[in-house]
Amino acid sequence: MKYTIPHQEVDKMFAAHVAWVESYGKLETPLGARLVIHERVIADLNVSSLDLTSCEMLSCTITDSTFERCDFSRASLIDCIFQNCRFLECVFWKGDLRGSDFRSSSFAGCDFTRADLTEANLTHVSLADCVFRYAWFIRTDLRFAILERVDFKNAHFSFAKMYNNRRYRVSAIDDVIVEDADFTEAGDGSILMGNEVFAHLADLT
C-alpha cells in the first residue's frame, strides 16, 4: 500500500520547491529542494497560484484535490492516478503526463501546449476551453471526453482512441495530424481514421 503524505509535510515540500524554482540558476546552490515524489498518495489538497515547474511525481495517487492557476510546466507526472481532482486554468507547458489516469477528474481553461499525453487515460474527462497546441496524443484514450472549445492546433494524434457520441464546438484544428485514430466505442481498433475523424467530432466556430 502506498504511503499517504500528511498535509503538513506536503505543504513543506511545496514551499521548498517554490524556493528552489525561484533561486534555480540565480544562486550557485539553489535554495529549498525540487519536489520529487514516487509512489505516494496525496489527498484533499486545495491549492492556487502554486509554481510546480519541473516537479516530479511518478506513480503517485492524487485524490479529491483542486489545483487553480498552478504551473506544471515541464513537470513529470508519469503513471499517476488522479481521482476526483479539478484543474482550473493550470499550465502544463511541455508537461510529461505519459500513462497517467485522469478518468474521474476535470480540466477547465488549462494550457497543455507541447505536452506529452502518450497513453494517458482521459475517458469521459471534461477538457473544456483547454489548449493542446503541438501536444502529443499517442495511444491516448479520449473516448467520450468533453471537447468544448478545445484548441488542437498542430496537435499530433497516433493510434489515439477518439470515439464520441456527440459533436463539440472545437476552437481550432489547424494543421492537426491524425494517424490511425481508433473511432470505435469499444476501442478495439476496427475503425481507423485520419484527420477526417474531426468531421465526426467537431463543429468549428
Protein backbone atom coordinates (compact mmCIF):
# COMPACT_ATOMS: atom_id res chain seq x y z
CA MET A 1 0.00 0.00 0.00
CA LYS A 2 1.26 3.47 -0.88
CA TYR A 3 2.16 5.80 1.97
CA THR A 4 -0.12 8.86 2.32
CA ILE A 5 1.87 12.03 2.82
CA PRO A 6 0.41 14.18 5.67
CA HIS A 7 -0.79 17.67 4.71
CA GLN A 8 1.85 19.40 6.82
CA GLU A 9 4.62 17.50 5.04
CA VAL A 10 3.11 18.25 1.62
CA ASP A 11 2.99 21.97 2.46
CA LYS A 12 6.67 21.92 3.41
CA MET A 13 7.58 20.12 0.19
CA PHE A 14 5.63 22.66 -1.86
CA ALA A 15 7.32 25.57 -0.10
CA ALA A 16 10.76 24.04 -0.62
CA HIS A 17 10.01 23.54 -4.31
CA VAL A 18 8.90 27.15 -4.77
CA ALA A 19 12.14 28.30 -3.14
CA TRP A 20 14.08 26.01 -5.48
CA VAL A 21 12.28 27.38 -8.56
CA GLU A 22 12.85 30.98 -7.54
CA SER A 23 16.57 30.50 -6.87
CA TYR A 24 17.49 27.96 -9.57
CA GLY A 25 20.00 29.49 -11.98
CA LYS A 26 20.38 32.56 -9.78
CA LEU A 27 22.39 31.08 -6.92
CA GLU A 28 25.33 28.69 -7.08
CA THR A 29 23.44 26.44 -4.68
CA PRO A 30 19.66 26.77 -5.11
CA LEU A 31 17.54 27.19 -2.01
CA GLY A 32 14.94 24.64 -0.97
CA ALA A 33 14.59 21.37 -2.85
CA ARG A 34 12.95 20.24 -6.07
CA LEU A 35 9.71 18.36 -5.49
CA VAL A 36 10.31 14.66 -6.22
CA ILE A 37 7.68 12.15 -5.09
CA HIS A 38 7.46 8.50 -6.11
CA GLU A 39 4.69 6.01 -5.32
CA ARG A 40 2.91 8.09 -2.69
CA VAL A 41 -0.67 9.22 -2.03
CA ILE A 42 -1.64 12.89 -1.72
CA ALA A 43 -5.21 13.72 -0.74
CA ASP A 44 -7.59 16.62 -0.10
CA LEU A 45 -5.48 19.49 -1.42
CA ASN A 46 -6.85 22.89 -2.33
CA VAL A 47 -4.05 25.00 -3.77
CA SER A 48 -3.87 28.03 -6.02
CA SER A 49 -1.16 30.00 -7.84
CA LEU A 50 1.47 27.42 -6.95
CA ASP A 51 4.61 27.17 -9.09
CA LEU A 52 5.33 23.46 -9.55
CA THR A 53 7.57 23.93 -12.60
CA SER A 54 9.78 20.88 -13.22
CA CYS A 55 8.38 18.89 -10.30
CA GLU A 56 8.43 15.10 -10.48
CA MET A 57 5.60 12.84 -9.36
CA LEU A 58 5.90 9.26 -10.57
CA SER A 59 3.32 6.52 -9.94
CA CYS A 60 1.56 8.67 -7.36
CA THR A 61 -2.15 8.79 -6.50
CA ILE A 62 -3.67 12.24 -6.02
CA THR A 63 -7.27 12.30 -4.77
CA ASP A 64 -10.04 14.80 -4.03
CA SER A 65 -7.89 17.83 -4.79
CA THR A 66 -8.27 21.18 -6.57
CA PHE A 67 -5.46 23.00 -8.35
CA GLU A 68 -6.23 26.54 -9.52
CA ARG A 69 -3.84 28.61 -11.68
CA CYS A 70 -0.93 26.30 -10.82
CA ASP A 71 2.10 25.97 -13.09
CA PHE A 72 3.09 22.40 -14.01
CA SER A 73 5.37 23.46 -16.89
CA ARG A 74 7.99 20.78 -17.68
CA ALA A 75 6.60 18.70 -14.81
CA SER A 76 6.91 14.91 -14.89
CA LEU A 77 3.56 13.42 -13.89
CA ILE A 78 4.11 9.92 -15.21
CA ASP A 79 1.90 6.90 -14.45
CA CYS A 80 -0.08 8.82 -11.84
CA ILE A 81 -3.73 8.35 -10.90
CA PHE A 82 -5.80 11.48 -10.37
CA GLN A 83 -9.11 10.70 -8.66
CA ASN A 84 -11.80 13.39 -8.28
CA CYS A 85 -9.36 16.21 -9.00
CA ARG A 86 -10.09 19.58 -10.59
CA PHE A 87 -7.59 21.65 -12.55
CA LEU A 88 -8.64 25.25 -13.23
CA GLU A 89 -6.56 27.48 -15.53
CA CYS A 90 -3.40 25.48 -14.87
CA VAL A 91 -0.38 25.36 -17.21
CA PHE A 92 1.16 22.07 -18.34
CA TRP A 93 3.55 23.50 -20.96
CA LYS A 94 5.90 20.69 -22.05
CA GLY A 95 4.50 18.57 -19.25
CA ASP A 96 5.14 14.83 -19.31
CA LEU A 97 1.85 13.11 -18.46
CA ARG A 98 2.58 9.75 -20.05
CA GLY A 99 0.47 6.88 -18.76
CA SER A 100 -1.46 8.92 -16.22
CA ASP A 101 -5.13 8.22 -15.47
CA PHE A 102 -7.45 11.23 -15.21
CA ARG A 103 -10.77 9.42 -15.73
CA SER A 104 -12.60 10.90 -12.72
CA SER A 105 -11.06 14.37 -12.92
CA SER A 106 -11.70 17.55 -14.92
CA PHE A 107 -9.82 20.40 -16.56
CA ALA A 108 -11.07 23.89 -17.43
CA GLY A 109 -9.09 26.55 -19.26
CA CYS A 110 -5.78 24.69 -18.92
CA ASP A 111 -2.81 25.03 -21.29
CA PHE A 112 -1.19 21.76 -22.46
CA THR A 113 0.95 23.29 -25.22
CA ARG A 114 3.65 20.78 -26.27
CA ALA A 115 2.62 18.37 -23.50
CA ASP A 116 3.13 14.62 -23.92
CA LEU A 117 -0.08 12.68 -23.18
CA THR A 118 1.12 9.36 -24.57
CA GLU A 119 -1.05 6.51 -23.22
CA ALA A 120 -2.86 8.87 -20.83
CA ASN A 121 -6.46 7.99 -19.98
CA LEU A 122 -8.85 10.91 -20.50
CA THR A 123 -12.03 8.86 -20.88
CA HIS A 124 -15.13 10.95 -20.03
CA VAL A 125 -12.87 13.80 -18.83
CA SER A 126 -14.03 17.39 -19.32
CA LEU A 127 -11.39 19.39 -21.20
CA ALA A 128 -13.49 22.49 -21.85
CA ASP A 129 -11.56 25.57 -23.03
CA CYS A 130 -8.20 23.78 -22.86
CA VAL A 131 -5.31 24.37 -25.29
CA PHE A 132 -3.39 21.40 -26.72
CA ARG A 133 -1.24 23.11 -29.35
CA TYR A 134 1.60 20.85 -30.52
CA ALA A 135 0.60 18.28 -27.88
CA TRP A 136 1.19 14.55 -28.40
CA PHE A 137 -1.67 12.06 -28.13
CA ILE A 138 -0.01 8.70 -28.78
CA ARG A 139 -2.31 5.78 -27.86
CA THR A 140 -4.20 8.26 -25.65
CA ASP A 141 -7.75 7.32 -24.64
CA LEU A 142 -10.05 10.27 -25.35
CA ARG A 143 -13.31 8.33 -25.66
CA PHE A 144 -16.33 10.40 -24.56
CA ALA A 145 -14.08 13.29 -23.47
CA ILE A 146 -15.79 16.70 -23.38
CA LEU A 147 -14.02 18.77 -26.03
CA GLU A 148 -15.99 22.02 -25.90
CA ARG A 149 -13.93 24.94 -27.27
CA VAL A 150 -10.69 22.90 -27.20
CA ASP A 151 -7.73 24.13 -29.28
CA PHE A 152 -5.92 21.25 -31.04
CA LYS A 153 -3.85 23.37 -33.43
CA ASN A 154 -0.76 21.42 -34.59
CA ALA A 155 -1.56 18.54 -32.19
CA HIS A 156 -0.41 15.05 -33.16
CA PHE A 157 -2.66 12.01 -32.70
CA SER A 158 -1.37 8.50 -33.35
CA PHE A 159 -3.43 5.39 -32.53
CA ALA A 160 -5.48 7.51 -30.12
CA LYS A 161 -8.93 6.29 -29.10
CA MET A 162 -11.28 9.11 -30.09
CA TYR A 163 -14.84 7.77 -30.19
CA ASN A 164 -17.54 10.18 -29.05
CA ASN A 165 -21.32 10.13 -29.30
CA ARG A 166 -21.68 13.87 -29.77
CA ARG A 167 -20.05 16.79 -31.53
CA TYR A 168 -18.31 19.75 -29.91
CA ARG A 169 -17.55 23.34 -30.86
CA VAL A 170 -13.82 22.84 -31.15
CA SER A 171 -11.81 26.06 -31.15
CA ALA A 172 -9.11 25.06 -33.67
CA ILE A 173 -7.77 22.04 -35.56
CA ASP A 174 -5.40 23.85 -37.93
CA ASP A 175 -2.50 21.65 -39.07
CA VAL A 176 -3.56 18.82 -36.78
CA ILE A 177 -2.06 15.41 -37.62
CA VAL A 178 -4.14 12.26 -37.05
CA GLU A 179 -2.66 8.83 -37.78
CA ASP A 180 -4.85 5.74 -37.38
CA ALA A 181 -7.24 7.11 -34.78
CA ASP A 182 -9.47 4.43 -33.29
CA PHE A 183 -13.09 5.53 -33.71
CA THR A 184 -14.84 2.58 -32.06
CA GLU A 185 -16.76 2.78 -28.79
CA ALA A 186 -15.06 -0.37 -27.56
CA GLY A 187 -11.61 0.86 -28.55
CA ASP A 188 -10.94 -2.33 -30.49
CA GLY A 189 -9.29 -0.64 -33.49
CA SER A 190 -11.78 -1.93 -36.04
CA ILE A 191 -12.47 1.59 -37.40
CA LEU A 192 -9.33 3.61 -38.03
CA MET A 193 -9.36 7.19 -39.32
CA GLY A 194 -7.01 10.02 -40.18
CA ASN A 195 -7.79 13.72 -39.98
CA GLU A 196 -11.37 13.02 -41.07
CA VAL A 197 -12.08 11.89 -37.51
CA PHE A 198 -12.73 15.53 -36.67
CA ALA A 199 -15.60 15.59 -39.13
CA HIS A 200 -17.35 13.36 -36.60
CA LEU A 201 -16.21 15.27 -33.51
CA ALA A 202 -16.03 18.95 -34.26
CA ASP A 203 -18.11 21.94 -35.19
CA LEU A 204 -15.64 24.79 -35.75
CA THR A 205 -16.81 28.19 -34.60
